[in-house]
């Protein structure tokens, strides 16, 4: 059973209300798509701006730089 069917069967919204919501959502998506395609691409020198990344800590499994090993002779 689809969410739309459950919503109507539970009397949370009517079929007409769901159609209105569908029309509004499609309009918003269309507007966003038009805005995205009409927006100019950034210049090449700005492509690296506003990129934030947290690199994972570099670890070697089984190695700890703070543990001193005994030399066996």
C-alpha atoms as a PDB file:
ATOM      1  CA  UNK A   1       0.000   0.000   0.000  1.00  0.00           C
ATOM      2  CA  UNK A   2       1.374   3.390  -0.989  1.00  0.00           C
ATOM      3  CA  UNK A   3       1.736   6.313   1.377  1.00  0.00           C
ATOM      4  CA  UNK A   4      -0.834   8.220  -0.659  1.00  0.00           C
ATOM      5  CA  UNK A   5      -3.379   5.425  -0.157  1.00  0.00           C
ATOM      6  CA  UNK A   6      -2.668   5.217   3.562  1.00  0.00           C
ATOM      7  CA  UNK A   7      -3.005   8.976   3.920  1.00  0.00           C
ATOM      8  CA  UNK A   8      -6.398   8.988   2.211  1.00  0.00           C
ATOM      9  CA  UNK A   9      -7.631   5.861   4.040  1.00  0.00           C
ATOM     10  CA  UNK A  10      -6.628   7.391   7.394  1.00  0.00           C
ATOM     11  CA  UNK A  11      -8.480  10.619   6.533  1.00  0.00           C
ATOM     12  CA  UNK A  12      -5.299  12.652   6.987  1.00  0.00           C
ATOM     13  CA  UNK A  13      -5.786  14.305   3.588  1.00  0.00           C
ATOM     14  CA  UNK A  14      -8.181  14.068   0.690  1.00  0.00           C
ATOM     15  CA  UNK A  15      -7.266  13.089  -2.849  1.00  0.00           C
ATOM     16  CA  UNK A  16      -7.755  16.716  -3.925  1.00  0.00           C
ATOM     17  CA  UNK A  17      -5.395  17.974  -1.211  1.00  0.00           C
ATOM     18  CA  UNK A  18      -2.752  15.485  -2.284  1.00  0.00           C
ATOM     19  CA  UNK A  19      -3.137  16.601  -5.896  1.00  0.00           C
ATOM     20  CA  UNK A  20      -2.654  20.242  -4.812  1.00  0.00           C
ATOM     21  CA  UNK A  21       0.482  19.269  -2.897  1.00  0.00           C
ATOM     22  CA  UNK A  22       1.752  17.376  -5.943  1.00  0.00           C
ATOM     23  CA  UNK A  23       1.208  20.421  -8.182  1.00  0.00           C
ATOM     24  CA  UNK A  24       3.010  22.707  -5.687  1.00  0.00           C
ATOM     25  CA  UNK A  25       5.954  20.329  -5.385  1.00  0.00           C
ATOM     26  CA  UNK A  26       6.287  19.914  -9.149  1.00  0.00           C
ATOM     27  CA  UNK A  27       6.202  23.726  -9.564  1.00  0.00           C
ATOM     28  CA  UNK A  28       8.913  24.156  -6.919  1.00  0.00           C
ATOM     29  CA  UNK A  29      11.084  21.508  -8.587  1.00  0.00           C
ATOM     30  CA  UNK A  30      10.614  23.121 -12.002  1.00  0.00           C
ATOM     31  CA  UNK A  31      11.537  26.558 -10.609  1.00  0.00           C
ATOM     32  CA  UNK A  32      14.649  25.147  -8.937  1.00  0.00           C
ATOM     33  CA  UNK A  33      15.695  23.364 -12.130  1.00  0.00           C
ATOM     34  CA  UNK A  34      15.274  26.535 -14.196  1.00  0.00           C
ATOM     35  CA  UNK A  35      17.252  28.546 -11.640  1.00  0.00           C
ATOM     36  CA  UNK A  36      20.047  25.967 -11.655  1.00  0.00           C
ATOM     37  CA  UNK A  37      20.335  25.856 -15.438  1.00  0.00           C
ATOM     38  CA  UNK A  38      20.179  29.662 -15.797  1.00  0.00           C
ATOM     39  CA  UNK A  39      22.803  30.306 -13.114  1.00  0.00           C
ATOM     40  CA  UNK A  40      26.260  30.905 -14.637  1.00  0.00           C
ATOM     41  CA  UNK A  41      29.052  28.507 -13.815  1.00  0.00           C
ATOM     42  CA  UNK A  42      31.691  29.836 -11.416  1.00  0.00           C
ATOM     43  CA  UNK A  43      35.044  30.935 -12.835  1.00  0.00           C
ATOM     44  CA  UNK A  44      37.806  28.331 -12.749  1.00  0.00           C
ATOM     45  CA  UNK A  45      39.760  30.204 -10.076  1.00  0.00           C
ATOM     46  CA  UNK A  46      36.791  29.899  -7.687  1.00  0.00           C
ATOM     47  CA  UNK A  47      36.166  26.169  -8.089  1.00  0.00           C
ATOM     48  CA  UNK A  48      38.191  25.318  -4.997  1.00  0.00           C
ATOM     49  CA  UNK A  49      36.502  27.846  -2.716  1.00  0.00           C
ATOM     50  CA  UNK A  50      34.241  26.749   0.135  1.00  0.00           C
ATOM     51  CA  UNK A  51      35.344  23.135   0.124  1.00  0.00           C
ATOM     52  CA  UNK A  52      35.652  21.876   3.650  1.00  0.00           C
ATOM     53  CA  UNK A  53      36.808  18.402   4.500  1.00  0.00           C
ATOM     54  CA  UNK A  54      37.837  16.689   7.675  1.00  0.00           C
ATOM     55  CA  UNK A  55      40.423  14.155   6.725  1.00  0.00           C
ATOM     56  CA  UNK A  56      40.272  10.967   8.731  1.00  0.00           C
ATOM     57  CA  UNK A  57      43.183  10.531  11.114  1.00  0.00           C
ATOM     58  CA  UNK A  58      46.092   8.692   9.548  1.00  0.00           C
ATOM     59  CA  UNK A  59      46.749   5.531  11.488  1.00  0.00           C
ATOM     60  CA  UNK A  60      48.706   2.396  10.841  1.00  0.00           C
ATOM     61  CA  UNK A  61      47.038  -0.609  12.368  1.00  0.00           C
ATOM     62  CA  UNK A  62      49.030  -1.986  15.271  1.00  0.00           C
ATOM     63  CA  UNK A  63      51.419   0.982  15.404  1.00  0.00           C
ATOM     64  CA  UNK A  64      51.468   3.679  18.059  1.00  0.00           C
ATOM     65  CA  UNK A  65      54.134   6.363  17.896  1.00  0.00           C
ATOM     66  CA  UNK A  66      54.050   6.902  21.663  1.00  0.00           C
ATOM     67  CA  UNK A  67      54.917   3.318  22.615  1.00  0.00           C
ATOM     68  CA  UNK A  68      58.636   2.639  22.973  1.00  0.00           C
ATOM     69  CA  UNK A  69      59.730  -0.823  21.939  1.00  0.00           C
ATOM     70  CA  UNK A  70      62.503  -2.732  23.646  1.00  0.00           C
ATOM     71  CA  UNK A  71      65.429  -3.764  21.553  1.00  0.00           C
ATOM     72  CA  UNK A  72      66.148  -7.477  21.820  1.00  0.00           C
ATOM     73  CA  UNK A  73      69.736  -8.550  21.175  1.00  0.00           C
END
